[in-house]
Amino acid sequence: MAAGNDESSRPFKLARPHQLKELGPDQLVAVIWRLAMEICVLRDRLGTHESLFAEKNLLSRDDIEAYSPSKDESAARLKARTELIENIINDLS
């Protein structure tokens, strides 16, 4: 997605989180665990996809690096990213 201040490129608005100094250790640990779990799931899924693609000779790394998502896919990715950030902010609240 192109960088810029265009409001149409940011259809989802996020609330500002509370100051970090107000957070307890349990809340910070919850955020760290949530991010760690998300990373583990993503690594597993990405590894599975890469293995299957290589095994079947379907895509090269250059194909993957050159890929540009459609407008609908970009919107879906933005929505998923926004939901993740909202969940993290909820853990911080």
PDB file of N, CA and C in Angstrom:
ATOM      1  N   MET A   1       0.854  -1.174   0.000  1.00  0.00           N
ATOM      2  CA  MET A   1       0.000   0.000   0.000  1.00  0.00           C
ATOM      3  C   MET A   1       0.893   1.228   0.000  1.00  0.00           C
ATOM      4  N   ALA A   2       0.522   2.254  -0.711  1.00  0.00           N
ATOM      5  CA  ALA A   2       1.316   3.461  -0.805  1.00  0.00           C
ATOM      6  C   ALA A   2       1.266   4.247   0.491  1.00  0.00           C
ATOM      7  N   ALA A   3       2.420   4.803   0.836  1.00  0.00           N
ATOM      8  CA  ALA A   3       2.481   5.624   2.046  1.00  0.00           C
ATOM      9  C   ALA A   3       1.909   6.996   1.731  1.00  0.00           C
ATOM     10  N   GLY A   4       1.413   7.654   2.756  1.00  0.00           N
ATOM     11  CA  GLY A   4       0.880   8.988   2.544  1.00  0.00           C
ATOM     12  C   GLY A   4      -0.148   9.322   3.589  1.00  0.00           C
ATOM     13  N   ASN A   5      -0.642  10.535   3.520  1.00  0.00           N
ATOM     14  CA  ASN A   5      -1.614  11.002   4.497  1.00  0.00           C
ATOM     15  C   ASN A   5      -3.027  10.955   3.959  1.00  0.00           C
ATOM     16  N   ASP A   6      -3.236  10.311   2.821  1.00  0.00           N
ATOM     17  CA  ASP A   6      -4.553  10.217   2.208  1.00  0.00           C
ATOM     18  C   ASP A   6      -5.480   9.414   3.116  1.00  0.00           C
ATOM     19  N   GLU A   7      -6.572  10.021   3.568  1.00  0.00           N
ATOM     20  CA  GLU A   7      -7.518   9.368   4.481  1.00  0.00           C
ATOM     21  C   GLU A   7      -8.153   8.132   3.854  1.00  0.00           C
ATOM     22  N   SER A   8      -8.279   8.086   2.520  1.00  0.00           N
ATOM     23  CA  SER A   8      -8.884   6.916   1.882  1.00  0.00           C
ATOM     24  C   SER A   8      -7.996   5.687   2.009  1.00  0.00           C
ATOM     25  N   SER A   9      -6.707   5.881   2.268  1.00  0.00           N
ATOM     26  CA  SER A   9      -5.814   4.743   2.441  1.00  0.00           C
ATOM     27  C   SER A   9      -5.870   4.199   3.859  1.00  0.00           C
ATOM     28  N   ARG A  10      -6.628   4.836   4.749  1.00  0.00           N
ATOM     29  CA  ARG A  10      -6.758   4.404   6.135  1.00  0.00           C
ATOM     30  C   ARG A  10      -8.227   4.327   6.523  1.00  0.00           C
ATOM     31  N   PRO A  11      -8.955   3.315   5.989  1.00  0.00           N
ATOM     32  CA  PRO A  11     -10.387   3.255   6.261  1.00  0.00           C
ATOM     33  C   PRO A  11     -10.733   2.853   7.692  1.00  0.00           C
ATOM     34  N   PHE A  12      -9.787   2.279   8.434  1.00  0.00           N
ATOM     35  CA  PHE A  12     -10.051   1.843   9.804  1.00  0.00           C
ATOM     36  C   PHE A  12      -9.308   2.750  10.770  1.00  0.00           C
ATOM     37  N   LYS A  13     -10.026   3.327  11.689  1.00  0.00           N
ATOM     38  CA  LYS A  13      -9.431   4.212  12.693  1.00  0.00           C
ATOM     39  C   LYS A  13      -9.243   3.445  13.989  1.00  0.00           C
ATOM     40  N   LEU A  14      -8.124   3.651  14.642  1.00  0.00           N
ATOM     41  CA  LEU A  14      -7.833   2.992  15.908  1.00  0.00           C
ATOM     42  C   LEU A  14      -7.845   4.018  17.039  1.00  0.00           C
ATOM     43  N   ALA A  15      -8.353   3.587  18.185  1.00  0.00           N
ATOM     44  CA  ALA A  15      -8.312   4.447  19.363  1.00  0.00           C
ATOM     45  C   ALA A  15      -6.874   4.522  19.857  1.00  0.00           C
ATOM     46  N   ARG A  16      -6.532   5.641  20.438  1.00  0.00           N
ATOM     47  CA  ARG A  16      -5.187   5.766  20.998  1.00  0.00           C
ATOM     48  C   ARG A  16      -5.103   4.948  22.278  1.00  0.00           C
ATOM     49  N   PRO A  17      -4.004   4.187  22.452  1.00  0.00           N
ATOM     50  CA  PRO A  17      -3.869   3.387  23.673  1.00  0.00           C
ATOM     51  C   PRO A  17      -3.574   4.272  24.879  1.00  0.00           C
ATOM     52  N   HIS A  18      -3.844   3.714  26.061  1.00  0.00           N
ATOM     53  CA  HIS A  18      -3.493   4.416  27.295  1.00  0.00           C
ATOM     54  C   HIS A  18      -1.977   4.538  27.375  1.00  0.00           C
ATOM     55  N   GLN A  19      -1.521   5.431  28.213  1.00  0.00           N
ATOM     56  CA  GLN A  19      -0.080   5.579  28.406  1.00  0.00           C
ATOM     57  C   GLN A  19       0.504   4.275  28.936  1.00  0.00           C
ATOM     58  N   LEU A  20       1.658   3.883  28.437  1.00  0.00           N
ATOM     59  CA  LEU A  20       2.274   2.641  28.861  1.00  0.00           C
ATOM     60  C   LEU A  20       2.626   2.630  30.337  1.00  0.00           C
ATOM     61  N   LYS A  21       2.892   3.783  30.911  1.00  0.00           N
ATOM     62  CA  LYS A  21       3.260   3.813  32.326  1.00  0.00           C
ATOM     63  C   LYS A  21       2.099   3.386  33.226  1.00  0.00           C
ATOM     64  N   GLU A  22       0.873   3.388  32.706  1.00  0.00           N
ATOM     65  CA  GLU A  22      -0.298   2.974  33.478  1.00  0.00           C
ATOM     66  C   GLU A  22      -0.519   1.459  33.436  1.00  0.00           C
ATOM     67  N   LEU A  23       0.250   0.751  32.636  1.00  0.00           N
ATOM     68  CA  LEU A  23       0.038  -0.673  32.450  1.00  0.00           C
ATOM     69  C   LEU A  23       0.735  -1.484  33.526  1.00  0.00           C
ATOM     70  N   GLY A  24       0.070  -2.569  33.899  1.00  0.00           N
ATOM     71  CA  GLY A  24       0.668  -3.492  34.839  1.00  0.00           C
ATOM     72  C   GLY A  24       1.481  -4.543  34.106  1.00  0.00           C
ATOM     73  N   PRO A  25       2.337  -5.230  34.831  1.00  0.00           N
ATOM     74  CA  PRO A  25       3.157  -6.275  34.205  1.00  0.00           C
ATOM     75  C   PRO A  25       2.325  -7.368  33.545  1.00  0.00           C
ATOM     76  N   ASP A  26       1.186  -7.711  34.130  1.00  0.00           N
ATOM     77  CA  ASP A  26       0.340  -8.759  33.539  1.00  0.00           C
ATOM     78  C   ASP A  26      -0.164  -8.362  32.155  1.00  0.00           C
ATOM     79  N   GLN A  27      -0.500  -7.096  31.979  1.00  0.00           N
ATOM     80  CA  GLN A  27      -0.981  -6.631  30.677  1.00  0.00           C
ATOM     81  C   GLN A  27       0.143  -6.685  29.638  1.00  0.00           C
ATOM     82  N   LEU A  28       1.335  -6.290  30.028  1.00  0.00           N
ATOM     83  CA  LEU A  28       2.455  -6.330  29.093  1.00  0.00           C
ATOM     84  C   LEU A  28       2.797  -7.764  28.707  1.00  0.00           C
ATOM     85  N   VAL A  29       2.745  -8.663  29.671  1.00  0.00           N
ATOM     86  CA  VAL A  29       2.998 -10.075  29.376  1.00  0.00           C
ATOM     87  C   VAL A  29       1.927 -10.612  28.429  1.00  0.00           C
ATOM     88  N   ALA A  30       0.663 -10.224  28.620  1.00  0.00           N
ATOM     89  CA  ALA A  30      -0.417 -10.673  27.737  1.00  0.00           C
ATOM     90  C   ALA A  30      -0.164 -10.222  26.302  1.00  0.00           C
ATOM     91  N   VAL A  31       0.313  -9.000  26.128  1.00  0.00           N
ATOM     92  CA  VAL A  31       0.613  -8.494  24.788  1.00  0.00           C
ATOM     93  C   VAL A  31       1.762  -9.283  24.177  1.00  0.00           C
ATOM     94  N   ILE A  32       2.789  -9.520  24.944  1.00  0.00           N
ATOM     95  CA  ILE A  32       3.940 -10.275  24.435  1.00  0.00           C
ATOM     96  C   ILE A  32       3.510 -11.679  24.020  1.00  0.00           C
ATOM     97  N   TRP A  33       2.685 -12.338  24.837  1.00  0.00           N
ATOM     98  CA  TRP A  33       2.216 -13.679  24.501  1.00  0.00           C
ATOM     99  C   TRP A  33       1.359 -13.667  23.241  1.00  0.00           C
ATOM    100  N   ARG A  34       0.472 -12.672  23.125  1.00  0.00           N
ATOM    101  CA  ARG A  34      -0.383 -12.593  21.935  1.00  0.00           C
ATOM    102  C   ARG A  34       0.482 -12.446  20.681  1.00  0.00           C
ATOM    103  N   LEU A  35       1.450 -11.573  20.726  1.00  0.00           N
ATOM    104  CA  LEU A  35       2.316 -11.377  19.561  1.00  0.00           C
ATOM    105  C   LEU A  35       3.139 -12.625  19.264  1.00  0.00           C
ATOM    106  N   ALA A  36       3.643 -13.275  20.304  1.00  0.00           N
ATOM    107  CA  ALA A  36       4.419 -14.494  20.103  1.00  0.00           C
ATOM    108  C   ALA A  36       3.560 -15.585  19.463  1.00  0.00           C
ATOM    109  N   MET A  37       2.321 -15.730  19.925  1.00  0.00           N
ATOM    110  CA  MET A  37       1.430 -16.742  19.341  1.00  0.00           C
ATOM    111  C   MET A  37       1.136 -16.430  17.878  1.00  0.00           C
ATOM    112  N   GLU A  38       0.877 -15.159  17.579  1.00  0.00           N
ATOM    113  CA  GLU A  38       0.613 -14.766  16.193  1.00  0.00           C
ATOM    114  C   GLU A  38       1.820 -15.070  15.307  1.00  0.00           C
ATOM    115  N   ILE A  39       3.005 -14.762  15.783  1.00  0.00           N
ATOM    116  CA  ILE A  39       4.217 -15.011  15.008  1.00  0.00           C
ATOM    117  C   ILE A  39       4.403 -16.501  14.770  1.00  0.00           C
ATOM    118  N   CYS A  40       4.185 -17.322  15.792  1.00  0.00           N
ATOM    119  CA  CYS A  40       4.334 -18.777  15.638  1.00  0.00           C
ATOM    120  C   CYS A  40       3.368 -19.334  14.598  1.00  0.00           C
ATOM    121  N   VAL A  41       2.130 -18.915  14.655  1.00  0.00           N
ATOM    122  CA  VAL A  41       1.137 -19.391  13.688  1.00  0.00           C
ATOM    123  C   VAL A  41       1.533 -18.958  12.286  1.00  0.00           C
ATOM    124  N   LEU A  42       1.937 -17.718  12.132  1.00  0.00           N
ATOM    125  CA  LEU A  42       2.316 -17.221  10.812  1.00  0.00           C
ATOM    126  C   LEU A  42       3.539 -17.945  10.268  1.00  0.00           C
ATOM    127  N   ARG A  43       4.529 -18.184  11.115  1.00  0.00           N
ATOM    128  CA  ARG A  43       5.721 -18.910  10.666  1.00  0.00           C
ATOM    129  C   ARG A  43       5.363 -20.327  10.211  1.00  0.00           C
ATOM    130  N   ASP A  44       4.515 -20.996  10.981  1.00  0.00           N
ATOM    131  CA  ASP A  44       4.113 -22.352  10.610  1.00  0.00           C
ATOM    132  C   ASP A  44       3.382 -22.364   9.273  1.00  0.00           C
ATOM    133  N   ARG A  45       2.435 -21.458   9.114  1.00  0.00           N
ATOM    134  CA  ARG A  45       1.654 -21.419   7.878  1.00  0.00           C
ATOM    135  C   ARG A  45       2.528 -21.023   6.692  1.00  0.00           C
ATOM    136  N   LEU A  46       3.378 -20.047   6.869  1.00  0.00           N
ATOM    137  CA  LEU A  46       4.263 -19.626   5.789  1.00  0.00           C
ATOM    138  C   LEU A  46       5.211 -20.753   5.402  1.00  0.00           C
ATOM    139  N   GLY A  47       5.754 -21.443   6.397  1.00  0.00           N
ATOM    140  CA  GLY A  47       6.637 -22.570   6.108  1.00  0.00           C
ATOM    141  C   GLY A  47       5.934 -23.665   5.338  1.00  0.00           C
ATOM    142  N   THR A  48       4.680 -23.929   5.697  1.00  0.00           N
ATOM    143  CA  THR A  48       3.889 -24.933   4.978  1.00  0.00           C
ATOM    144  C   THR A  48       3.691 -24.517   3.527  1.00  0.00           C
ATOM    145  N   HIS A  49       3.314 -23.280   3.309  1.00  0.00           N
ATOM    146  CA  HIS A  49       3.101 -22.794   1.941  1.00  0.00           C
ATOM    147  C   HIS A  49       4.385 -22.860   1.126  1.00  0.00           C
ATOM    148  N   GLU A  50       5.477 -22.391   1.699  1.00  0.00           N
ATOM    149  CA  GLU A  50       6.742 -22.393   0.968  1.00  0.00           C
ATOM    150  C   GLU A  50       7.165 -23.816   0.623  1.00  0.00           C
ATOM    151  N   SER A  51       6.982 -24.754   1.551  1.00  0.00           N
ATOM    152  CA  SER A  51       7.343 -26.154   1.286  1.00  0.00           C
ATOM    153  C   SER A  51       6.488 -26.747   0.169  1.00  0.00           C
ATOM    154  N   LEU A  52       5.192 -26.490   0.224  1.00  0.00           N
ATOM    155  CA  LEU A  52       4.307 -27.011  -0.817  1.00  0.00           C
ATOM    156  C   LEU A  52       4.623 -26.405  -2.185  1.00  0.00           C
ATOM    157  N   PHE A  53       4.869 -25.110  -2.218  1.00  0.00           N
ATOM    158  CA  PHE A  53       5.202 -24.466  -3.489  1.00  0.00           C
ATOM    159  C   PHE A  53       6.493 -25.031  -4.063  1.00  0.00           C
ATOM    160  N   ALA A  54       7.498 -25.192  -3.225  1.00  0.00           N
ATOM    161  CA  ALA A  54       8.779 -25.712  -3.700  1.00  0.00           C
ATOM    162  C   ALA A  54       8.633 -27.165  -4.154  1.00  0.00           C
ATOM    163  N   GLU A  55       7.891 -27.955  -3.381  1.00  0.00           N
ATOM    164  CA  GLU A  55       7.685 -29.371  -3.696  1.00  0.00           C
ATOM    165  C   GLU A  55       6.995 -29.547  -5.043  1.00  0.00           C
ATOM    166  N   LYS A  56       6.069 -28.663  -5.353  1.00  0.00           N
ATOM    167  CA  LYS A  56       5.283 -28.787  -6.581  1.00  0.00           C
ATOM    168  C   LYS A  56       5.819 -27.888  -7.708  1.00  0.00           C
ATOM    169  N   ASN A  57       6.927 -27.194  -7.441  1.00  0.00           N
ATOM    170  CA  ASN A  57       7.518 -26.287  -8.432  1.00  0.00           C
ATOM    171  C   ASN A  57       6.497 -25.298  -8.986  1.00  0.00           C
ATOM    172  N   LEU A  58       5.688 -24.727  -8.092  1.00  0.00           N
ATOM    173  CA  LEU A  58       4.633 -23.799  -8.511  1.00  0.00           C
ATOM    174  C   LEU A  58       5.089 -22.347  -8.550  1.00  0.00           C
ATOM    175  N   LEU A  59       5.892 -21.955  -7.591  1.00  0.00           N
ATOM    176  CA  LEU A  59       6.322 -20.560  -7.508  1.00  0.00           C
ATOM    177  C   LEU A  59       7.787 -20.485  -7.099  1.00  0.00           C
ATOM    178  N   SER A  60       8.446 -19.475  -7.619  1.00  0.00           N
ATOM    179  CA  SER A  60       9.815 -19.193  -7.188  1.00  0.00           C
ATOM    180  C   SER A  60       9.785 -18.046  -6.181  1.00  0.00           C
ATOM    181  N   ARG A  61      10.879 -17.845  -5.491  1.00  0.00           N
ATOM    182  CA  ARG A  61      10.970 -16.727  -4.552  1.00  0.00           C
ATOM    183  C   ARG A  61      10.775 -15.407  -5.301  1.00  0.00           C
ATOM    184  N   ASP A  62      11.293 -15.302  -6.516  1.00  0.00           N
ATOM    185  CA  ASP A  62      11.107 -14.080  -7.313  1.00  0.00           C
ATOM    186  C   ASP A  62       9.632 -13.823  -7.602  1.00  0.00           C
ATOM    187  N   ASP A  63       8.866 -14.886  -7.864  1.00  0.00           N
ATOM    188  CA  ASP A  63       7.419 -14.739  -8.085  1.00  0.00           C
ATOM    189  C   ASP A  63       6.747 -14.159  -6.841  1.00  0.00           C
ATOM    190  N   ILE A  64       7.137 -14.682  -5.689  1.00  0.00           N
ATOM    191  CA  ILE A  64       6.548 -14.232  -4.424  1.00  0.00           C
ATOM    192  C   ILE A  64       6.924 -12.778  -4.152  1.00  0.00           C
ATOM    193  N   GLU A  65       8.182 -12.431  -4.350  1.00  0.00           N
ATOM    194  CA  GLU A  65       8.644 -11.059  -4.094  1.00  0.00           C
ATOM    195  C   GLU A  65       8.007 -10.048  -5.048  1.00  0.00           C
ATOM    196  N   ALA A  66       7.686 -10.470  -6.264  1.00  0.00           N
ATOM    197  CA  ALA A  66       7.113  -9.561  -7.266  1.00  0.00           C
ATOM    198  C   ALA A  66       5.599  -9.411  -7.151  1.00  0.00           C
ATOM    199  N   TYR A  67       4.960 -10.219  -6.302  1.00  0.00           N
ATOM    200  CA  TYR A  67       3.497 -10.218  -6.203  1.00  0.00           C
ATOM    201  C   TYR A  67       2.979  -8.887  -5.666  1.00  0.00           C
ATOM    202  N   SER A  68       1.889  -8.421  -6.258  1.00  0.00           N
ATOM    203  CA  SER A  68       1.215  -7.211  -5.807  1.00  0.00           C
ATOM    204  C   SER A  68      -0.260  -7.546  -5.579  1.00  0.00           C
ATOM    205  N   PRO A  69      -0.748  -7.418  -4.332  1.00  0.00           N
ATOM    206  CA  PRO A  69      -2.131  -7.793  -4.051  1.00  0.00           C
ATOM    207  C   PRO A  69      -3.141  -6.870  -4.734  1.00  0.00           C
ATOM    208  N   SER A  70      -4.329  -7.425  -4.993  1.00  0.00           N
ATOM    209  CA  SER A  70      -5.418  -6.641  -5.574  1.00  0.00           C
ATOM    210  C   SER A  70      -5.925  -5.640  -4.532  1.00  0.00           C
ATOM    211  N   LYS A  71      -6.774  -4.737  -4.988  1.00  0.00           N
ATOM    212  CA  LYS A  71      -7.362  -3.745  -4.083  1.00  0.00           C
ATOM    213  C   LYS A  71      -8.178  -4.427  -2.979  1.00  0.00           C
ATOM    214  N   ASP A  72      -8.970  -5.445  -3.345  1.00  0.00           N
ATOM    215  CA  ASP A  72      -9.779  -6.169  -2.354  1.00  0.00           C
ATOM    216  C   ASP A  72      -8.898  -6.918  -1.354  1.00  0.00           C
ATOM    217  N   GLU A  73      -7.844  -7.545  -1.853  1.00  0.00           N
ATOM    218  CA  GLU A  73      -6.944  -8.268  -0.962  1.00  0.00           C
ATOM    219  C   GLU A  73      -6.207  -7.307  -0.032  1.00  0.00           C
ATOM    220  N   SER A  74      -5.806  -6.169  -0.561  1.00  0.00           N
ATOM    221  CA  SER A  74      -5.153  -5.160   0.278  1.00  0.00           C
ATOM    222  C   SER A  74      -6.093  -4.690   1.387  1.00  0.00           C
ATOM    223  N   ALA A  75      -7.362  -4.496   1.044  1.00  0.00           N
ATOM    224  CA  ALA A  75      -8.352  -4.078   2.049  1.00  0.00           C
ATOM    225  C   ALA A  75      -8.540  -5.163   3.102  1.00  0.00           C
ATOM    226  N   ALA A  76      -8.587  -6.424   2.683  1.00  0.00           N
ATOM    227  CA  ALA A  76      -8.737  -7.529   3.633  1.00  0.00           C
ATOM    228  C   ALA A  76      -7.529  -7.622   4.559  1.00  0.00           C
ATOM    229  N   ARG A  77      -6.343  -7.428   4.004  1.00  0.00           N
ATOM    230  CA  ARG A  77      -5.122  -7.446   4.818  1.00  0.00           C
ATOM    231  C   ARG A  77      -5.134  -6.304   5.829  1.00  0.00           C
ATOM    232  N   LEU A  78      -5.548  -5.136   5.387  1.00  0.00           N
ATOM    233  CA  LEU A  78      -5.616  -3.986   6.287  1.00  0.00           C
ATOM    234  C   LEU A  78      -6.607  -4.244   7.411  1.00  0.00           C
ATOM    235  N   LYS A  79      -7.743  -4.839   7.090  1.00  0.00           N
ATOM    236  CA  LYS A  79      -8.750  -5.153   8.104  1.00  0.00           C
ATOM    237  C   LYS A  79      -8.189  -6.139   9.132  1.00  0.00           C
ATOM    238  N   ALA A  80      -7.514  -7.182   8.666  1.00  0.00           N
ATOM    239  CA  ALA A  80      -6.928  -8.178   9.577  1.00  0.00           C
ATOM    240  C   ALA A  80      -5.852  -7.545  10.452  1.00  0.00           C
ATOM    241  N   ARG A  81      -5.041  -6.694   9.870  1.00  0.00           N
ATOM    242  CA  ARG A  81      -3.985  -6.007  10.623  1.00  0.00           C
ATOM    243  C   ARG A  81      -4.598  -5.089  11.678  1.00  0.00           C
ATOM    244  N   THR A  82      -5.656  -4.396  11.297  1.00  0.00           N
ATOM    245  CA  THR A  82      -6.340  -3.496  12.225  1.00  0.00           C
ATOM    246  C   THR A  82      -6.944  -4.267  13.388  1.00  0.00           C
ATOM    247  N   GLU A  83      -7.553  -5.416  13.098  1.00  0.00           N
ATOM    248  CA  GLU A  83      -8.129  -6.236  14.166  1.00  0.00           C
ATOM    249  C   GLU A  83      -7.056  -6.721  15.137  1.00  0.00           C
ATOM    250  N   LEU A  84      -5.904  -7.107  14.611  1.00  0.00           N
ATOM    251  CA  LEU A  84      -4.806  -7.530  15.476  1.00  0.00           C
ATOM    252  C   LEU A  84      -4.366  -6.385  16.383  1.00  0.00           C
ATOM    253  N   ILE A  85      -4.219  -5.202  15.822  1.00  0.00           N
ATOM    254  CA  ILE A  85      -3.798  -4.046  16.610  1.00  0.00           C
ATOM    255  C   ILE A  85      -4.853  -3.706  17.653  1.00  0.00           C
ATOM    256  N   GLU A  86      -6.129  -3.792  17.280  1.00  0.00           N
ATOM    257  CA  GLU A  86      -7.194  -3.528  18.254  1.00  0.00           C
ATOM    258  C   GLU A  86      -7.145  -4.535  19.410  1.00  0.00           C
ATOM    259  N   ASN A  87      -6.882  -5.798  19.101  1.00  0.00           N
ATOM    260  CA  ASN A  87      -6.767  -6.807  20.157  1.00  0.00           C
ATOM    261  C   ASN A  87      -5.598  -6.493  21.094  1.00  0.00           C
ATOM    262  N   ILE A  88      -4.505  -6.043  20.523  1.00  0.00           N
ATOM    263  CA  ILE A  88      -3.352  -5.673  21.352  1.00  0.00           C
ATOM    264  C   ILE A  88      -3.695  -4.470  22.224  1.00  0.00           C
ATOM    265  N   ILE A  89      -4.345  -3.489  21.645  1.00  0.00           N
ATOM    266  CA  ILE A  89      -4.741  -2.301  22.413  1.00  0.00           C
ATOM    267  C   ILE A  89      -5.704  -2.704  23.536  1.00  0.00           C
ATOM    268  N   ASN A  90      -6.630  -3.639  23.253  1.00  0.00           N
ATOM    269  CA  ASN A  90      -7.533  -4.116  24.304  1.00  0.00           C
ATOM    270  C   ASN A  90      -6.757  -4.776  25.435  1.00  0.00           C
ATOM    271  N   ASP A  91      -5.711  -5.526  25.096  1.00  0.00           N
ATOM    272  CA  ASP A  91      -4.892  -6.134  26.135  1.00  0.00           C
ATOM    273  C   ASP A  91      -4.166  -5.078  26.968  1.00  0.00           C
ATOM    274  N   LEU A  92      -3.880  -3.948  26.350  1.00  0.00           N
ATOM    275  CA  LEU A  92      -3.184  -2.869  27.052  1.00  0.00           C
ATOM    276  C   LEU A  92      -4.129  -1.992  27.880  1.00  0.00           C
ATOM    277  N   SER A  93      -5.428  -2.168  27.683  1.00  0.00           N
ATOM    278  CA  SER A  93      -6.407  -1.315  28.359  1.00  0.00           C
ATOM    279  C   SER A  93      -6.837  -1.895  29.685  1.00  0.00           C
TER     280      SER A  93
END
